[in-house]
């Protein structure tokens, strides 16, 4: 892996097209269903923690 691989590209990465058809390229294959599900689970969990922390800050029960 090169350092350039970690930098954002000029165009966004697309794994599906506008119609929902698979559109992976050689460098970025389509992740498995389990990987996508786990990524979504972590995304929802992170948002829930963030929402709870915001509520605690507004109540004065969590200092930032």
C-alpha atoms as a PDB file:
ATOM      1  CA  UNK A   1       0.000   0.000   0.000  1.00  0.00           C
ATOM      2  CA  UNK A   2       1.284   3.433  -0.930  1.00  0.00           C
ATOM      3  CA  UNK A   3       0.655   6.687   0.901  1.00  0.00           C
ATOM      4  CA  UNK A   4      -1.247   7.928  -2.178  1.00  0.00           C
ATOM      5  CA  UNK A   5      -3.794   5.136  -1.660  1.00  0.00           C
ATOM      6  CA  UNK A   6      -4.852   6.795   1.604  1.00  0.00           C
ATOM      7  CA  UNK A   7      -5.494  10.213   0.054  1.00  0.00           C
ATOM      8  CA  UNK A   8      -8.906  11.074  -1.372  1.00  0.00           C
ATOM      9  CA  UNK A   9      -9.218  10.782  -5.117  1.00  0.00           C
ATOM     10  CA  UNK A  10     -10.548  13.307  -7.603  1.00  0.00           C
ATOM     11  CA  UNK A  11     -13.782  11.352  -8.015  1.00  0.00           C
ATOM     12  CA  UNK A  12     -15.828   9.580  -5.354  1.00  0.00           C
ATOM     13  CA  UNK A  13     -15.567   5.809  -5.030  1.00  0.00           C
ATOM     14  CA  UNK A  14     -18.693   4.101  -6.370  1.00  0.00           C
ATOM     15  CA  UNK A  15     -19.479   0.463  -5.747  1.00  0.00           C
ATOM     16  CA  UNK A  16     -22.983   0.668  -7.246  1.00  0.00           C
ATOM     17  CA  UNK A  17     -24.424   2.796 -10.017  1.00  0.00           C
ATOM     18  CA  UNK A  18     -27.562   4.957  -9.831  1.00  0.00           C
ATOM     19  CA  UNK A  19     -29.754   1.933 -10.616  1.00  0.00           C
ATOM     20  CA  UNK A  20     -28.231  -0.138  -7.787  1.00  0.00           C
ATOM     21  CA  UNK A  21     -26.251  -2.461 -10.051  1.00  0.00           C
ATOM     22  CA  UNK A  22     -22.835  -3.596  -8.829  1.00  0.00           C
ATOM     23  CA  UNK A  23     -20.059  -1.460 -10.254  1.00  0.00           C
ATOM     24  CA  UNK A  24     -16.801  -2.379  -8.429  1.00  0.00           C
ATOM     25  CA  UNK A  25     -13.408  -1.891 -10.019  1.00  0.00           C
ATOM     26  CA  UNK A  26     -10.241  -3.974  -9.697  1.00  0.00           C
ATOM     27  CA  UNK A  27      -8.780  -1.913  -6.853  1.00  0.00           C
ATOM     28  CA  UNK A  28     -11.985  -1.808  -4.793  1.00  0.00           C
ATOM     29  CA  UNK A  29     -13.978  -5.061  -4.965  1.00  0.00           C
ATOM     30  CA  UNK A  30     -17.501  -5.195  -3.583  1.00  0.00           C
ATOM     31  CA  UNK A  31     -17.396  -5.973   0.171  1.00  0.00           C
ATOM     32  CA  UNK A  32     -19.277  -9.038   1.386  1.00  0.00           C
ATOM     33  CA  UNK A  33     -22.782  -8.714   2.781  1.00  0.00           C
ATOM     34  CA  UNK A  34     -21.491  -9.433   6.288  1.00  0.00           C
ATOM     35  CA  UNK A  35     -18.860  -6.695   5.986  1.00  0.00           C
ATOM     36  CA  UNK A  36     -21.449  -4.170   4.797  1.00  0.00           C
ATOM     37  CA  UNK A  37     -23.852  -5.162   7.581  1.00  0.00           C
ATOM     38  CA  UNK A  38     -21.108  -4.822  10.227  1.00  0.00           C
ATOM     39  CA  UNK A  39     -20.101  -1.417   8.848  1.00  0.00           C
ATOM     40  CA  UNK A  40     -23.701  -0.230   8.991  1.00  0.00           C
ATOM     41  CA  UNK A  41     -24.086  -1.571  12.551  1.00  0.00           C
ATOM     42  CA  UNK A  42     -21.007   0.365  13.647  1.00  0.00           C
ATOM     43  CA  UNK A  43     -22.263   3.509  11.913  1.00  0.00           C
ATOM     44  CA  UNK A  44     -25.609   3.324  13.731  1.00  0.00           C
ATOM     45  CA  UNK A  45     -23.885   2.578  17.047  1.00  0.00           C
ATOM     46  CA  UNK A  46     -21.570   5.574  16.644  1.00  0.00           C
ATOM     47  CA  UNK A  47     -24.478   7.871  15.862  1.00  0.00           C
ATOM     48  CA  UNK A  48     -26.423   6.610  18.857  1.00  0.00           C
ATOM     49  CA  UNK A  49     -23.462   7.212  21.183  1.00  0.00           C
ATOM     50  CA  UNK A  50     -23.042  10.692  19.714  1.00  0.00           C
ATOM     51  CA  UNK A  51     -26.730  11.495  20.208  1.00  0.00           C
ATOM     52  CA  UNK A  52     -26.614  10.275  23.804  1.00  0.00           C
ATOM     53  CA  UNK A  53     -23.471  12.300  24.519  1.00  0.00           C
ATOM     54  CA  UNK A  54     -25.100  15.418  23.036  1.00  0.00           C
ATOM     55  CA  UNK A  55     -28.143  14.915  25.258  1.00  0.00           C
ATOM     56  CA  UNK A  56     -25.928  14.531  28.349  1.00  0.00           C
ATOM     57  CA  UNK A  57     -23.998  17.703  27.465  1.00  0.00           C
ATOM     58  CA  UNK A  58     -27.250  19.653  27.096  1.00  0.00           C
ATOM     59  CA  UNK A  59     -28.372  18.374  30.500  1.00  0.00           C
ATOM     60  CA  UNK A  60     -25.059  19.410  32.056  1.00  0.00           C
ATOM     61  CA  UNK A  61     -24.282  15.822  33.014  1.00  0.00           C
ATOM     62  CA  UNK A  62     -21.263  15.508  30.688  1.00  0.00           C
ATOM     63  CA  UNK A  63     -18.493  18.077  30.439  1.00  0.00           C
ATOM     64  CA  UNK A  64     -16.674  18.622  27.199  1.00  0.00           C
END
